[in-house]
Amino acid sequence: MEIKKTVQLQYVADDKSFAMSTVLQGDGATPIVQTMGFDTPSEYKDDGTPVYTTPDEQIKTAQKEFMAAAIAEQKSLCKENGVDPDLVNKVGAEKQTDTDGTTDEKKGND
């Protein structure tokens, strides 16, 4: 029986205006973070653009912090699984094929 460990990270803003989540498998993949907004527009500009109570900069800052935490956790899981943690920083690196036909993930990039 093969048991795989996965980690789910979640964050909900203090004002509950947005949330982020990701699932990590320790496979060398760069985390994919989903951001969901729960805020409703407080007003609209003349051109129809909605104005929200949570500023975009606050969300961008939280996304950067969340991604850093996700990368750190993914690298830790990679080490547990014998996968090269450096793969996490380069998008798609876990899927690259070496000249011998094996992937870096399977080889641990050794």
C-alpha atoms as a PDB file:
ATOM      1  CA  MET A   1       0.000   0.000   0.000  1.00  0.00           C
ATOM      2  CA  GLU A   2       1.358   3.395  -0.995  1.00  0.00           C
ATOM      3  CA  ILE A   3       0.424   6.345   1.193  1.00  0.00           C
ATOM      4  CA  LYS A   4       1.185   9.842  -0.045  1.00  0.00           C
ATOM      5  CA  LYS A   5       1.411  12.849   2.219  1.00  0.00           C
ATOM      6  CA  THR A   6      -0.135  16.094   1.011  1.00  0.00           C
ATOM      7  CA  VAL A   7      -0.374  19.411   2.807  1.00  0.00           C
ATOM      8  CA  GLN A   8      -3.133  21.945   2.275  1.00  0.00           C
ATOM      9  CA  LEU A   9      -2.348  25.544   3.193  1.00  0.00           C
ATOM     10  CA  GLN A  10      -5.132  28.091   3.676  1.00  0.00           C
ATOM     11  CA  TYR A  11      -5.279  31.752   4.606  1.00  0.00           C
ATOM     12  CA  VAL A  12      -8.329  33.941   5.211  1.00  0.00           C
ATOM     13  CA  ALA A  13      -7.845  37.699   5.551  1.00  0.00           C
ATOM     14  CA  ASP A  14      -8.739  39.167   8.932  1.00  0.00           C
ATOM     15  CA  ASP A  15     -11.605  41.128   7.373  1.00  0.00           C
ATOM     16  CA  LYS A  16     -12.697  37.995   5.442  1.00  0.00           C
ATOM     17  CA  SER A  17     -12.508  39.916   2.148  1.00  0.00           C
ATOM     18  CA  PHE A  18     -10.282  37.299   0.437  1.00  0.00           C
ATOM     19  CA  ALA A  19      -8.722  33.882   0.986  1.00  0.00           C
ATOM     20  CA  MET A  20      -5.896  31.844  -0.515  1.00  0.00           C
ATOM     21  CA  SER A  21      -5.213  28.123  -0.679  1.00  0.00           C
ATOM     22  CA  THR A  22      -2.856  25.573  -2.205  1.00  0.00           C
ATOM     23  CA  VAL A  23      -2.216  21.832  -2.003  1.00  0.00           C
ATOM     24  CA  LEU A  24       1.392  20.611  -1.784  1.00  0.00           C
ATOM     25  CA  GLN A  25       2.614  17.105  -2.604  1.00  0.00           C
ATOM     26  CA  GLY A  26       6.378  17.351  -2.236  1.00  0.00           C
ATOM     27  CA  ASP A  27       6.850  16.514  -5.910  1.00  0.00           C
ATOM     28  CA  GLY A  28       9.080  19.448  -6.830  1.00  0.00           C
ATOM     29  CA  ALA A  29       6.269  21.438  -8.451  1.00  0.00           C
ATOM     30  CA  THR A  30       6.023  25.183  -7.925  1.00  0.00           C
ATOM     31  CA  PRO A  31       2.925  25.773  -5.753  1.00  0.00           C
ATOM     32  CA  ILE A  32      -0.192  26.996  -7.515  1.00  0.00           C
ATOM     33  CA  VAL A  33      -2.005  29.426  -5.255  1.00  0.00           C
ATOM     34  CA  GLN A  34      -5.692  30.148  -5.681  1.00  0.00           C
ATOM     35  CA  THR A  35      -6.925  33.527  -4.443  1.00  0.00           C
ATOM     36  CA  MET A  36     -10.644  34.033  -3.934  1.00  0.00           C
ATOM     37  CA  GLY A  37     -12.302  37.364  -3.210  1.00  0.00           C
ATOM     38  CA  PHE A  38     -15.394  37.658  -1.027  1.00  0.00           C
ATOM     39  CA  ASP A  39     -15.564  41.428  -1.014  1.00  0.00           C
ATOM     40  CA  THR A  40     -18.399  43.230  -2.755  1.00  0.00           C
ATOM     41  CA  PRO A  41     -17.859  46.552  -4.487  1.00  0.00           C
ATOM     42  CA  SER A  42     -18.366  49.584  -2.265  1.00  0.00           C
ATOM     43  CA  GLU A  43     -18.786  51.831  -5.292  1.00  0.00           C
ATOM     44  CA  TYR A  44     -18.181  52.029  -9.046  1.00  0.00           C
ATOM     45  CA  LYS A  45     -16.131  54.468 -11.111  1.00  0.00           C
ATOM     46  CA  ASP A  46     -17.715  56.298 -14.030  1.00  0.00           C
ATOM     47  CA  ASP A  47     -16.222  53.761 -16.458  1.00  0.00           C
ATOM     48  CA  GLY A  48     -17.871  50.872 -14.552  1.00  0.00           C
ATOM     49  CA  THR A  49     -14.749  49.691 -12.707  1.00  0.00           C
ATOM     50  CA  PRO A  50     -15.700  48.278  -9.289  1.00  0.00           C
ATOM     51  CA  VAL A  51     -14.008  49.724  -6.179  1.00  0.00           C
ATOM     52  CA  TYR A  52     -13.443  47.267  -3.346  1.00  0.00           C
ATOM     53  CA  THR A  53     -12.772  47.940   0.317  1.00  0.00           C
ATOM     54  CA  THR A  54      -9.620  45.774   0.334  1.00  0.00           C
ATOM     55  CA  PRO A  55      -6.841  47.522  -1.627  1.00  0.00           C
ATOM     56  CA  ASP A  56      -5.054  45.514  -4.329  1.00  0.00           C
ATOM     57  CA  GLU A  57      -1.698  46.206  -2.640  1.00  0.00           C
ATOM     58  CA  GLN A  58      -2.893  44.487   0.545  1.00  0.00           C
ATOM     59  CA  ILE A  59      -3.873  41.411  -1.476  1.00  0.00           C
ATOM     60  CA  LYS A  60      -0.590  41.419  -3.442  1.00  0.00           C
ATOM     61  CA  THR A  61       1.417  41.615  -0.215  1.00  0.00           C
ATOM     62  CA  ALA A  62      -0.546  38.727   1.300  1.00  0.00           C
ATOM     63  CA  GLN A  63      -0.096  36.670  -1.896  1.00  0.00           C
ATOM     64  CA  LYS A  64       3.675  37.183  -1.770  1.00  0.00           C
ATOM     65  CA  GLU A  65       3.844  36.116   1.893  1.00  0.00           C
ATOM     66  CA  PHE A  66       1.583  33.117   1.268  1.00  0.00           C
ATOM     67  CA  MET A  67       3.653  32.011  -1.738  1.00  0.00           C
ATOM     68  CA  ALA A  68       6.870  32.238   0.298  1.00  0.00           C
ATOM     69  CA  ALA A  69       5.318  30.034   2.993  1.00  0.00           C
ATOM     70  CA  ALA A  70       4.043  27.582   0.357  1.00  0.00           C
ATOM     71  CA  ILE A  71       7.477  27.350  -1.287  1.00  0.00           C
ATOM     72  CA  ALA A  72       9.154  26.691   2.074  1.00  0.00           C
ATOM     73  CA  GLU A  73       6.645  23.961   2.946  1.00  0.00           C
ATOM     74  CA  GLN A  74       6.885  22.396  -0.534  1.00  0.00           C
ATOM     75  CA  LYS A  75      10.692  22.268  -0.243  1.00  0.00           C
ATOM     76  CA  SER A  76      10.390  20.579   3.152  1.00  0.00           C
ATOM     77  CA  LEU A  77       8.046  17.948   1.686  1.00  0.00           C
ATOM     78  CA  CYS A  78      10.422  17.441  -1.236  1.00  0.00           C
ATOM     79  CA  LYS A  79      13.259  16.658   1.167  1.00  0.00           C
ATOM     80  CA  GLU A  80      11.020  14.096   2.932  1.00  0.00           C
ATOM     81  CA  ASN A  81      10.234  12.485  -0.439  1.00  0.00           C
ATOM     82  CA  GLY A  82      13.812  12.473  -1.729  1.00  0.00           C
ATOM     83  CA  VAL A  83      13.073  15.069  -4.427  1.00  0.00           C
ATOM     84  CA  ASP A  84      15.459  17.948  -5.116  1.00  0.00           C
ATOM     85  CA  PRO A  85      13.894  20.971  -3.361  1.00  0.00           C
ATOM     86  CA  ASP A  86      15.548  23.380  -5.831  1.00  0.00           C
ATOM     87  CA  LEU A  87      13.024  22.233  -8.454  1.00  0.00           C
ATOM     88  CA  VAL A  88      10.304  24.150  -6.594  1.00  0.00           C
ATOM     89  CA  ASN A  89      11.649  27.576  -7.624  1.00  0.00           C
ATOM     90  CA  LYS A  90      11.460  26.962 -11.385  1.00  0.00           C
ATOM     91  CA  VAL A  91       7.980  26.538 -12.841  1.00  0.00           C
ATOM     92  CA  GLY A  92       7.710  23.204 -14.657  1.00  0.00           C
ATOM     93  CA  ALA A  93      11.148  21.918 -13.612  1.00  0.00           C
ATOM     94  CA  GLU A  94       9.644  18.811 -12.024  1.00  0.00           C
ATOM     95  CA  LYS A  95       8.437  17.735 -15.494  1.00  0.00           C
ATOM     96  CA  GLN A  96      11.685  18.269 -17.424  1.00  0.00           C
ATOM     97  CA  THR A  97      13.186  15.167 -19.010  1.00  0.00           C
ATOM     98  CA  ASP A  98      16.900  14.441 -18.921  1.00  0.00           C
ATOM     99  CA  THR A  99      18.830  12.915 -21.821  1.00  0.00           C
ATOM    100  CA  ASP A 100      18.450   9.414 -20.304  1.00  0.00           C
ATOM    101  CA  GLY A 101      14.638   9.726 -20.445  1.00  0.00           C
ATOM    102  CA  THR A 102      14.077  10.086 -16.712  1.00  0.00           C
ATOM    103  CA  THR A 103      12.650  13.159 -15.101  1.00  0.00           C
ATOM    104  CA  ASP A 104      14.486  15.286 -12.573  1.00  0.00           C
ATOM    105  CA  GLU A 105      11.708  14.488 -10.088  1.00  0.00           C
ATOM    106  CA  LYS A 106      12.353  10.750 -10.249  1.00  0.00           C
ATOM    107  CA  LYS A 107      16.103  11.213 -10.078  1.00  0.00           C
ATOM    108  CA  GLY A 108      15.974  13.823  -7.342  1.00  0.00           C
ATOM    109  CA  ASN A 109      18.017  15.973  -9.742  1.00  0.00           C
ATOM    110  CA  ASP A 110      21.216  14.200  -8.660  1.00  0.00           C
END
